[in-house]
């Protein structure tokens, strides 16, 4: 059969990427997400019983969000429509809605609308779905790699169920690649090569399929060396404006706070490897030195500030060594939040207590009127000059004169023993 006698579907099936050709058609063939699709799990039950309503599928790339939407489409009696938020606009959304309304009037058939990367739609585009989701004109399934709590309008998300997809495990990806081997009967695959491609994919099935597809073009015998050439590097998912960004920097800070040099070094390496701006990391260290170490080790803020200046001056790749030095020091330094606690305690009193006048002896005697009012009278510049030791000078207003904000003992804690590792 020549190319011209083949159907479009047959041609597309042959030239489609491996990831598309391997897309499972049934729930039983779906690999991963056992917390959602395992036996007696709510999402699986909703799909099997046809009770699934509008939903958000949230997870990292290549974890099965789009695949599951396709499976749902084949199981439902609804009309299926698909939009990509990358290329679609309000016009396309309205066209789909109008068709859905027409089908509902004509034969009572609902439309299942799948929107890939729904977080890329702006507020106006998302608002266009709201009344139709609410009335049940469409069953909307949106896929997103971003936290829908931030990226999807609150009124819309309140009418949808959010399902969080985990990255696939290495074992899951090995299973998928094992199934894909059947499409390459003339190739042989070293199990170590399969495991390497699965591990390097970092939970992204599409990345693993792409690596396998490239490996099969490099030769008939897929060895570990072939797999390494095809994979090149780990497919790190790290969106500088998304959850992974904030989760990783959070883990980095908490590791330093907990005194784990290893943890902090690992998360910093992940950020740098994924292309994070080293100045962002350096700035966080300066904040950390003041917020979490403070006067328990006053040199920490000096070091962190100098580190930030050094990173700015020399840039990458050398700056990574400077950052590593700071991570080791700050993680091992003793911790204190006494100054920060004092500041927020003072903020609390400002909100909770009446704003009392500044005590008269602390006011500025800037002119004759103020002097006649007694401004500055009785003020003792330094405590060692106080001849009346029995009377302690008052600095706070009367209404809060007995309040204490700063616990100096927290800053005088003994330095923790430096870990050997």
Protein backbone atom coordinates (compact mmCIF):
# COMPACT_ATOMS: atom_id res chain seq x y z
CA UNK A 1 0.00 0.00 0.00
CA UNK A 2 1.52 3.33 -1.01
CA UNK A 3 1.29 6.59 0.89
CA UNK A 4 -1.53 8.00 -1.29
CA UNK A 5 -3.83 5.02 -0.70
CA UNK A 6 -3.60 5.26 3.07
CA UNK A 7 -6.15 7.09 5.19
CA UNK A 8 -5.22 10.21 7.12
CA UNK A 9 -5.60 8.28 10.37
CA UNK A 10 -3.16 5.61 9.20
CA UNK A 11 -0.62 8.19 8.10
CA UNK A 12 -0.91 10.15 11.35
CA UNK A 13 -0.53 6.93 13.35
CA UNK A 14 2.79 6.23 11.61
CA UNK A 15 4.28 9.70 11.84
CA UNK A 16 2.92 10.62 15.27
CA UNK A 17 5.46 10.91 18.11
CA UNK A 18 5.95 7.78 20.19
CA UNK A 19 4.23 9.43 23.17
CA UNK A 20 1.08 9.88 21.10
CA UNK A 21 1.17 6.36 19.68
CA UNK A 22 1.55 4.89 23.17
CA UNK A 23 -1.35 6.83 24.67
CA UNK A 24 -3.56 4.24 26.49
CA UNK A 25 -7.20 3.95 25.55
CA UNK A 26 -8.67 2.46 28.73
CA UNK A 27 -8.41 2.92 32.48
CA UNK A 28 -6.95 -0.57 32.82
CA UNK A 29 -4.09 0.40 30.51
CA UNK A 30 -3.39 3.65 32.37
CA UNK A 31 -0.17 3.57 34.41
CA UNK A 32 0.34 5.68 37.54
CA UNK A 33 -1.82 7.82 39.86
CA UNK A 34 -2.97 4.94 42.10
CA UNK A 35 -4.29 7.45 44.66
CA UNK A 36 -6.77 8.65 42.02
CA UNK A 37 -7.36 5.63 39.78
CA UNK A 38 -6.69 2.66 42.03
CA UNK A 39 -9.45 0.29 43.05
CA UNK A 40 -12.27 2.06 44.90
CA UNK A 41 -10.61 5.46 44.51
CA UNK A 42 -13.09 8.33 44.01
CA UNK A 43 -11.91 9.55 40.59
CA UNK A 44 -11.98 6.07 39.10
CA UNK A 45 -15.42 5.44 40.56
CA UNK A 46 -16.73 8.74 39.18
CA UNK A 47 -15.40 7.90 35.70
CA UNK A 48 -16.74 4.35 35.72
CA UNK A 49 -20.17 5.40 36.99
CA UNK A 50 -20.42 8.41 34.69
CA UNK A 51 -20.80 10.85 37.59
CA UNK A 52 -17.68 12.92 36.99
CA UNK A 53 -18.42 16.64 36.87
CA UNK A 54 -16.20 19.51 35.81
CA UNK A 55 -12.67 19.03 37.07
CA UNK A 56 -9.13 20.37 37.13
CA UNK A 57 -6.27 17.93 36.55
CA UNK A 58 -3.20 19.48 38.17
CA UNK A 59 0.28 18.01 37.89
CA UNK A 60 3.72 18.15 36.32
CA UNK A 61 4.19 17.51 32.58
CA UNK A 62 3.93 13.95 31.32
CA UNK A 63 2.06 12.52 34.31
CA UNK A 64 -1.11 11.51 32.39
CA UNK A 65 -3.52 14.47 32.62
CA UNK A 66 -4.28 14.70 28.89
CA UNK A 67 -4.30 10.94 28.50
CA UNK A 68 -6.90 10.53 31.22
CA UNK A 69 -9.07 13.23 29.62
CA UNK A 70 -9.01 11.26 26.35
CA UNK A 71 -9.98 8.07 28.19
CA UNK A 72 -12.89 9.87 29.87
CA UNK A 73 -14.01 11.16 26.45
CA UNK A 74 -14.20 7.63 25.07
CA UNK A 75 -16.23 6.41 28.07
CA UNK A 76 -18.79 9.17 28.12
CA UNK A 77 -21.81 9.67 25.91
CA UNK A 78 -21.02 13.38 25.72
CA UNK A 79 -19.78 15.23 22.66
CA UNK A 80 -16.02 15.73 22.94
CA UNK A 81 -14.29 19.06 22.21
CA UNK A 82 -10.74 20.12 22.89
CA UNK A 83 -9.02 23.49 23.16
CA UNK A 84 -5.43 24.45 23.86
CA UNK A 85 -5.11 27.62 25.89
CA UNK A 86 -1.81 28.28 24.10
CA UNK A 87 -3.51 29.04 20.78
CA UNK A 88 -7.23 29.48 21.57
CA UNK A 89 -8.91 32.74 22.53
CA UNK A 90 -12.34 34.01 23.60
CA UNK A 91 -13.62 33.58 20.02
CA UNK A 92 -12.83 29.85 19.99
CA UNK A 93 -14.29 29.41 23.47
CA UNK A 94 -17.56 31.05 22.41
CA UNK A 95 -17.77 28.90 19.29
CA UNK A 96 -17.43 25.73 21.38
CA UNK A 97 -20.02 26.99 23.86
CA UNK A 98 -22.51 27.82 21.09
CA UNK A 99 -22.11 24.33 19.58
CA UNK A 100 -22.57 22.81 23.03
CA UNK A 101 -25.77 24.80 23.61
CA UNK A 102 -27.08 23.74 20.19
CA UNK A 103 -26.43 20.04 20.88
CA UNK A 104 -28.10 20.32 24.27
CA UNK A 105 -31.22 21.87 22.72
CA UNK A 106 -31.26 19.45 19.78
CA UNK A 107 -30.88 16.09 21.51
CA UNK A 108 -30.06 16.80 25.16
CA UNK A 109 -26.43 15.78 24.68
CA UNK A 110 -23.81 17.46 26.86
CA UNK A 111 -20.35 18.46 25.67
CA UNK A 112 -17.16 17.41 27.40
CA UNK A 113 -14.69 20.23 26.82
CA UNK A 114 -11.04 19.52 27.55
CA UNK A 115 -8.84 22.62 27.91
CA UNK A 116 -5.12 21.94 27.95
CA UNK A 117 -2.99 24.38 29.96
CA UNK A 118 -6.05 26.18 31.26
CA UNK A 119 -3.83 28.37 33.46
CA UNK A 120 -2.76 30.24 30.31
CA UNK A 121 -6.27 31.62 29.82
CA UNK A 122 -6.73 35.11 31.25
CA UNK A 123 -9.56 36.13 33.57
CA UNK A 124 -11.95 37.11 30.76
CA UNK A 125 -11.41 33.82 28.95
CA UNK A 126 -11.94 31.81 32.14
CA UNK A 127 -15.04 33.83 33.01
CA UNK A 128 -16.56 32.79 29.69
CA UNK A 129 -16.84 29.21 31.01
CA UNK A 130 -18.47 30.07 34.32
CA UNK A 131 -22.22 30.23 33.51
CA UNK A 132 -22.07 27.19 31.25
CA UNK A 133 -20.24 25.08 33.84
CA UNK A 134 -22.76 26.22 36.44
CA UNK A 135 -25.76 25.31 34.24
CA UNK A 136 -24.23 22.02 33.13
CA UNK A 137 -24.12 22.97 29.44
CA UNK A 138 -20.55 21.67 29.36
CA UNK A 139 -18.47 19.35 31.48
CA UNK A 140 -15.17 21.22 31.66
CA UNK A 141 -11.91 19.38 32.30
CA UNK A 142 -8.89 21.65 32.53
CA UNK A 143 -5.29 20.45 32.66
CA UNK A 144 -2.67 22.61 34.32
CA UNK A 145 0.91 22.40 35.55
CA UNK A 146 0.33 25.39 37.85
CA UNK A 147 -1.40 25.59 41.21
CA UNK A 148 -5.04 26.20 40.24
CA UNK A 149 -5.57 28.04 43.50
CA UNK A 150 -3.45 30.83 42.05
CA UNK A 151 -4.05 30.46 38.32
CA UNK A 152 -7.77 29.64 37.99
CA UNK A 153 -10.45 32.19 38.92
CA UNK A 154 -11.99 31.53 42.33
CA UNK A 155 -15.63 31.46 41.09
CA UNK A 156 -14.72 28.91 38.41
CA UNK A 157 -12.57 26.67 40.59
CA UNK A 158 -15.28 26.64 43.27
CA UNK A 159 -17.50 24.80 40.77
CA UNK A 160 -14.85 22.24 39.81
CA UNK A 161 -13.18 19.36 41.60
CA UNK A 162 -9.37 19.56 41.73
CA UNK A 163 -7.39 16.33 41.29
CA UNK A 164 -3.66 16.49 41.94
CA UNK A 165 -1.51 14.18 39.78
CA UNK A 166 1.85 12.98 41.13
CA UNK A 167 4.92 12.69 38.90
CA UNK A 168 5.25 9.12 37.65
CA UNK A 169 7.63 6.92 39.58
CA UNK A 170 10.69 5.48 37.84
CA UNK A 171 9.00 2.07 38.00
CA UNK A 172 5.92 3.44 36.26
CA UNK A 173 8.02 4.88 33.45
CA UNK A 174 9.97 1.61 33.12
CA UNK A 175 6.62 -0.14 32.66
CA UNK A 176 5.58 2.33 29.95
CA UNK A 177 8.88 1.98 28.11
CA UNK A 178 8.53 -1.78 28.33
CA UNK A 179 5.21 -1.53 26.49
CA UNK A 180 6.77 0.81 23.92
CA UNK A 181 9.47 -1.74 23.04
CA UNK A 182 6.86 -3.76 21.15
CA UNK A 183 6.84 -1.03 18.49
CA UNK A 184 10.51 -1.70 17.78
CA UNK A 185 10.73 -5.45 17.02
CA UNK A 186 14.07 -5.05 15.22
CA UNK A 187 15.74 -3.36 18.21
CA UNK A 188 17.19 -4.85 21.37
CA UNK A 189 17.07 -2.93 24.64
CA UNK A 190 19.47 -3.36 27.56
CA UNK A 191 17.39 -3.23 30.80
CA UNK A 192 19.95 -0.76 32.16
CA UNK A 193 19.24 1.52 29.20
CA UNK A 194 15.50 1.38 29.87
CA UNK A 195 16.02 2.14 33.56
CA UNK A 196 18.35 5.03 32.74
CA UNK A 197 15.87 6.66 30.37
CA UNK A 198 13.08 6.19 32.91
CA UNK A 199 15.13 7.66 35.74
CA UNK A 200 16.34 10.62 33.71
CA UNK A 201 12.78 11.46 32.67
CA UNK A 202 12.11 12.52 36.25
CA UNK A 203 8.46 11.42 36.25
CA UNK A 204 7.68 12.71 32.73
CA UNK A 205 6.50 9.88 30.46
CA UNK A 206 6.66 12.11 27.37
CA UNK A 207 10.32 12.87 28.05
CA UNK A 208 11.07 9.15 28.41
CA UNK A 209 9.28 8.32 25.16
CA UNK A 210 11.22 11.06 23.37
CA UNK A 211 14.49 9.65 24.68
CA UNK A 212 13.53 6.13 23.52
CA UNK A 213 12.52 7.41 20.10
CA UNK A 214 15.86 9.19 19.71
CA UNK A 215 17.78 6.15 20.99
CA UNK A 216 16.19 3.91 18.35
CA UNK A 217 17.46 6.29 15.67
CA UNK A 218 21.03 5.92 16.95
CA UNK A 219 21.21 2.17 16.36
CA UNK A 220 19.46 -1.19 16.61
CA UNK A 221 21.14 -2.15 19.86
CA UNK A 222 20.09 0.20 22.67
CA UNK A 223 22.83 0.05 25.30
CA UNK A 224 23.31 2.15 28.40
CA UNK A 225 25.69 4.39 26.44
CA UNK A 226 23.03 4.87 23.76
CA UNK A 227 20.46 5.75 26.38
CA UNK A 228 22.83 8.25 27.98
CA UNK A 229 23.38 9.92 24.62
CA UNK A 230 19.64 10.06 23.95
CA UNK A 231 18.70 11.35 27.41
CA UNK A 232 21.53 13.88 27.67
CA UNK A 233 20.27 15.33 30.93
CA UNK A 234 17.53 14.94 33.48
CA UNK A 235 14.23 16.57 32.49
CA UNK A 236 14.00 18.89 35.47
CA UNK A 237 10.60 20.52 35.85
CA UNK A 238 11.12 23.91 37.42
CA UNK A 239 8.88 26.81 36.49
CA UNK A 240 10.41 30.01 37.83
CA UNK A 241 6.97 31.46 38.49
CA UNK A 242 5.16 28.31 39.54
CA UNK A 243 4.76 25.97 42.50
CA UNK A 244 7.94 24.03 41.89
CA UNK A 245 9.90 27.26 42.16
CA UNK A 246 8.37 28.18 45.50
CA UNK A 247 8.39 24.61 46.84
CA UNK A 248 12.10 24.24 46.11
CA UNK A 249 13.17 27.57 47.61
CA UNK A 250 10.99 26.74 50.63
CA UNK A 251 12.77 23.39 51.06
CA UNK A 252 16.11 25.19 50.66
CA UNK A 253 15.35 27.71 53.41
CA UNK A 254 13.90 25.08 55.75
CA UNK A 255 16.96 22.87 55.28
CA UNK A 256 19.28 25.72 56.29
CA UNK A 257 16.97 26.53 59.20
CA UNK A 258 17.14 22.92 60.34
CA UNK A 259 20.94 22.85 60.11
CA UNK A 260 21.03 20.41 57.20
CA UNK A 261 23.91 21.40 54.94
CA UNK A 262 23.21 18.38 52.75
CA UNK A 263 19.54 19.26 52.28
CA UNK A 264 20.25 22.92 51.55
CA UNK A 265 23.05 22.03 49.13
CA UNK A 266 20.81 19.57 47.27
CA UNK A 267 17.92 22.00 46.80
CA UNK A 268 20.28 24.78 45.76
CA UNK A 269 21.85 22.42 43.21
CA UNK A 270 18.38 21.66 41.84
CA UNK A 271 17.65 25.35 41.44
CA UNK A 272 20.97 26.13 39.78
CA UNK A 273 20.74 23.09 37.51
CA UNK A 274 17.30 24.22 36.37
CA UNK A 275 18.56 27.70 35.53
CA UNK A 276 17.50 29.71 38.58
CA UNK A 277 19.00 33.19 38.86
CA UNK A 278 21.89 32.86 41.39
CA UNK A 279 21.14 36.37 42.64
CA UNK A 280 17.68 35.20 43.72
CA UNK A 281 19.33 32.51 45.86
CA UNK A 282 21.88 34.97 47.23
CA UNK A 283 19.16 37.45 48.22
CA UNK A 284 17.28 34.71 50.04
CA UNK A 285 20.46 33.94 51.99
CA UNK A 286 20.78 37.56 53.11
CA UNK A 287 17.18 37.51 54.33
CA UNK A 288 17.79 34.17 56.04
CA UNK A 289 20.89 35.49 57.83
CA UNK A 290 18.84 38.25 59.42
CA UNK A 291 15.57 36.42 59.91
CA UNK A 292 16.81 33.08 61.22
CA UNK A 293 20.32 33.70 62.57
CA UNK A 294 20.35 37.36 63.59
CA UNK A 295 22.54 38.19 66.59
CA UNK A 296 23.13 34.56 67.50
CA UNK A 297 25.95 34.96 64.94
CA UNK A 298 26.20 38.62 63.80
CA UNK A 299 28.85 37.70 61.22
CA UNK A 300 26.25 35.70 59.23
CA UNK A 301 24.63 38.83 57.76
CA UNK A 302 28.08 40.22 56.89
CA UNK A 303 29.03 37.01 55.10
CA UNK A 304 25.70 36.69 53.27
CA UNK A 305 25.83 40.30 52.07
CA UNK A 306 29.39 39.86 50.82
CA UNK A 307 28.40 36.60 49.16
CA UNK A 308 25.58 38.37 47.30
CA UNK A 309 28.00 41.07 46.15
CA UNK A 310 30.50 38.44 45.00
CA UNK A 311 27.82 36.55 43.06
CA UNK A 312 26.82 39.80 41.37
CA UNK A 313 30.43 40.64 40.45
CA UNK A 314 31.67 37.30 39.12
CA UNK A 315 28.52 35.59 37.81
CA UNK A 316 28.13 31.94 36.86
CA UNK A 317 29.61 29.40 36.79
CA UNK A 318 32.10 30.51 39.47
CA UNK A 319 29.33 32.03 41.58
CA UNK A 320 28.06 28.56 42.44
CA UNK A 321 31.18 28.00 44.55
CA UNK A 322 30.58 31.22 46.46
CA UNK A 323 26.97 30.21 47.07
CA UNK A 324 28.05 26.78 48.32
CA UNK A 325 30.37 28.42 50.85
CA UNK A 326 27.53 30.55 52.18
CA UNK A 327 25.11 27.59 52.35
CA UNK A 328 27.55 25.60 54.48
CA UNK A 329 28.13 28.50 56.89
CA UNK A 330 24.52 29.61 57.27
CA UNK A 331 23.23 26.06 57.74
CA UNK A 332 25.72 25.42 60.54
CA UNK A 333 25.25 28.79 62.26
CA UNK A 334 23.24 29.02 65.51
CA UNK A 335 19.71 30.28 65.00
CA UNK A 336 17.74 33.05 66.66
CA UNK A 337 14.58 34.90 65.75
CA UNK A 338 14.71 37.30 68.73
CA UNK A 339 14.97 40.58 66.74
CA UNK A 340 12.20 39.53 64.32
CA UNK A 341 9.98 38.38 67.19
CA UNK A 342 10.54 41.70 68.94
CA UNK A 343 9.55 43.65 65.83
CA UNK A 344 6.32 41.71 65.29
CA UNK A 345 5.43 41.92 68.96
CA UNK A 346 5.76 45.71 68.69
CA UNK A 347 3.59 45.64 65.54
CA UNK A 348 0.99 43.72 67.50
CA UNK A 349 0.86 46.35 70.24
CA UNK A 350 0.54 49.12 67.67
CA UNK A 351 -2.56 47.36 66.30
CA UNK A 352 -3.98 46.23 69.63
CA UNK A 353 -3.23 49.12 72.00
CA UNK A 354 -4.10 52.84 71.88
CA UNK A 355 -1.40 54.93 70.19
CA UNK A 356 -0.15 56.79 73.25
CA UNK A 357 1.95 59.97 73.13
CA UNK A 358 5.71 59.66 73.24
CA UNK A 359 6.89 60.24 76.86
CA UNK A 360 7.72 63.91 77.35
CA UNK A 361 11.36 63.31 78.35
CA UNK A 362 11.96 61.48 75.01
CA UNK A 363 10.52 64.21 72.81
CA UNK A 364 12.68 66.51 70.72
CA UNK A 365 13.22 69.93 72.32
CA UNK A 366 13.49 71.53 68.92
CA UNK A 367 12.14 74.97 69.86
CA UNK A 368 11.17 77.20 72.77
CA UNK A 369 7.58 75.95 72.86
CA UNK A 370 8.67 72.34 73.18
CA UNK A 371 11.21 73.23 75.86
CA UNK A 372 8.53 75.04 77.87
CA UNK A 373 6.38 71.88 77.63
CA UNK A 374 9.25 69.97 79.23
CA UNK A 375 10.41 68.11 76.13
CA UNK A 376 13.70 66.36 76.77
CA UNK A 377 13.80 67.22 80.49
CA UNK A 378 14.95 64.36 82.65
CA UNK A 379 16.29 62.36 79.71
CA UNK A 380 19.54 60.55 80.51
CA UNK A 381 21.62 59.91 77.41
CA UNK A 382 23.47 56.85 78.72
CA UNK A 383 22.48 54.57 81.53
CA UNK A 384 25.93 54.72 83.11
CA UNK A 385 25.33 58.46 83.64
CA UNK A 386 22.21 57.77 85.69
CA UNK A 387 22.97 58.85 89.21
CA UNK A 388 19.56 57.69 90.43
CA UNK A 389 20.11 53.98 89.95
CA UNK A 390 16.93 53.22 91.85
CA UNK A 391 14.78 54.84 89.17
CA UNK A 392 14.94 53.13 85.77
CA UNK A 393 14.42 55.43 82.84
CA UNK A 394 11.12 54.79 80.99
CA UNK A 395 11.12 54.58 77.19
CA UNK A 396 7.72 53.12 76.31
CA UNK A 397 4.44 55.03 76.60
CA UNK A 398 2.57 54.53 79.89
CA UNK A 399 -0.06 52.25 78.34
CA UNK A 400 2.54 49.63 77.42
CA UNK A 401 5.42 50.56 79.72
CA UNK A 402 5.69 47.05 81.16
CA UNK A 403 5.66 45.22 77.80
CA UNK A 404 8.77 43.30 76.71
CA UNK A 405 9.48 42.53 73.07
CA UNK A 406 13.07 41.47 72.77
CA UNK A 407 14.44 38.36 74.46
CA UNK A 408 18.18 38.95 74.43
CA UNK A 409 18.88 35.52 75.90
CA UNK A 410 17.85 33.95 72.58
CA UNK A 411 20.72 35.76 70.86
CA UNK A 412 23.22 34.62 73.49
CA UNK A 413 22.63 30.92 73.00
CA UNK A 414 25.85 28.88 72.73
CA UNK A 415 26.94 28.12 69.20
CA UNK A 416 25.89 24.68 68.05
CA UNK A 417 28.60 22.18 67.35
CA UNK A 418 29.63 22.27 63.70
CA UNK A 419 28.58 19.03 61.95
CA UNK A 420 31.46 17.03 60.61
CA UNK A 421 29.76 16.44 57.25
